[in-house]
């Protein structure tokens, strides 16, 4: 995959999922952001009936984050 975007490239939005909403120091306080993100990706694939091998790129973002992963935006390829 290249970093260039061509007008002939197809972009398909199949499904989406979000991570749970929690409170600071709550039930997810020992869960890393990437683990929650992996759960969201797994759920979106399942909901969309898509196999992981069929996905070229997933772009995720984070609205608000505390701790060592602050200001993270993840791109899974």
Protein backbone atom coordinates (compact mmCIF):
# COMPACT_ATOMS: atom_id res chain seq x y z
CA UNK A 1 0.00 0.00 0.00
CA UNK A 2 1.29 3.44 -0.88
CA UNK A 3 0.78 6.69 0.92
CA UNK A 4 -0.64 8.27 -2.22
CA UNK A 5 -4.38 8.65 -2.74
CA UNK A 6 -5.74 8.28 -6.24
CA UNK A 7 -9.22 9.31 -7.31
CA UNK A 8 -9.81 5.75 -8.52
CA UNK A 9 -9.18 4.32 -5.03
CA UNK A 10 -12.31 2.88 -3.48
CA UNK A 11 -13.11 3.82 0.09
CA UNK A 12 -15.71 1.66 1.77
CA UNK A 13 -17.13 2.22 5.24
CA UNK A 14 -18.58 -1.11 6.32
CA UNK A 15 -19.14 -0.87 10.05
CA UNK A 16 -18.13 0.92 13.20
CA UNK A 17 -17.84 0.30 16.91
CA UNK A 18 -16.73 2.37 19.87
CA UNK A 19 -15.00 1.60 23.09
CA UNK A 20 -17.02 1.69 26.31
CA UNK A 21 -17.39 4.87 28.30
CA UNK A 22 -15.83 4.67 31.72
CA UNK A 23 -14.73 6.86 34.55
CA UNK A 24 -11.20 7.81 35.51
CA UNK A 25 -9.85 5.05 37.77
CA UNK A 26 -12.90 2.89 36.99
CA UNK A 27 -13.24 -0.68 35.79
CA UNK A 28 -10.92 -0.12 32.78
CA UNK A 29 -8.11 1.60 34.70
CA UNK A 30 -5.73 -1.31 34.13
CA UNK A 31 -6.69 -1.77 30.48
CA UNK A 32 -4.41 -0.21 27.87
CA UNK A 33 -6.01 1.94 25.17
CA UNK A 34 -4.76 -0.38 22.42
CA UNK A 35 -6.57 -3.33 24.06
CA UNK A 36 -9.86 -1.41 24.04
CA UNK A 37 -9.19 -0.38 20.45
CA UNK A 38 -8.60 -3.97 19.43
CA UNK A 39 -11.97 -4.90 20.92
CA UNK A 40 -13.66 -2.12 18.92
CA UNK A 41 -12.00 -3.28 15.70
CA UNK A 42 -13.01 -6.89 16.37
CA UNK A 43 -16.61 -5.81 17.01
CA UNK A 44 -16.75 -3.65 13.87
CA UNK A 45 -15.45 -6.52 11.72
CA UNK A 46 -17.98 -8.90 13.24
CA UNK A 47 -20.89 -6.47 12.78
CA UNK A 48 -19.89 -5.81 9.18
CA UNK A 49 -19.39 -9.48 8.34
CA UNK A 50 -15.86 -8.69 7.15
CA UNK A 51 -12.77 -10.85 7.53
CA UNK A 52 -9.68 -9.09 8.85
CA UNK A 53 -7.71 -10.23 5.77
CA UNK A 54 -10.06 -8.19 3.55
CA UNK A 55 -9.25 -4.90 5.30
CA UNK A 56 -6.36 -2.80 4.04
CA UNK A 57 -6.53 -0.01 6.58
CA UNK A 58 -8.35 1.02 9.74
CA UNK A 59 -8.08 4.56 11.07
CA UNK A 60 -8.96 5.23 14.69
CA UNK A 61 -8.82 8.32 16.81
CA UNK A 62 -9.12 9.32 20.42
CA UNK A 63 -11.13 12.27 21.69
CA UNK A 64 -9.80 12.44 25.22
CA UNK A 65 -7.19 10.34 26.95
CA UNK A 66 -5.31 10.53 30.22
CA UNK A 67 -2.08 8.82 31.04
CA UNK A 68 0.89 7.68 28.96
CA UNK A 69 -1.17 7.20 25.77
CA UNK A 70 -2.46 10.78 25.78
CA UNK A 71 -3.06 12.35 22.39
CA UNK A 72 -2.95 9.03 20.63
CA UNK A 73 -4.41 8.43 17.22
CA UNK A 74 -3.83 4.94 16.03
CA UNK A 75 -3.59 3.64 12.50
CA UNK A 76 -3.76 -0.14 12.15
CA UNK A 77 -2.62 -1.71 8.91
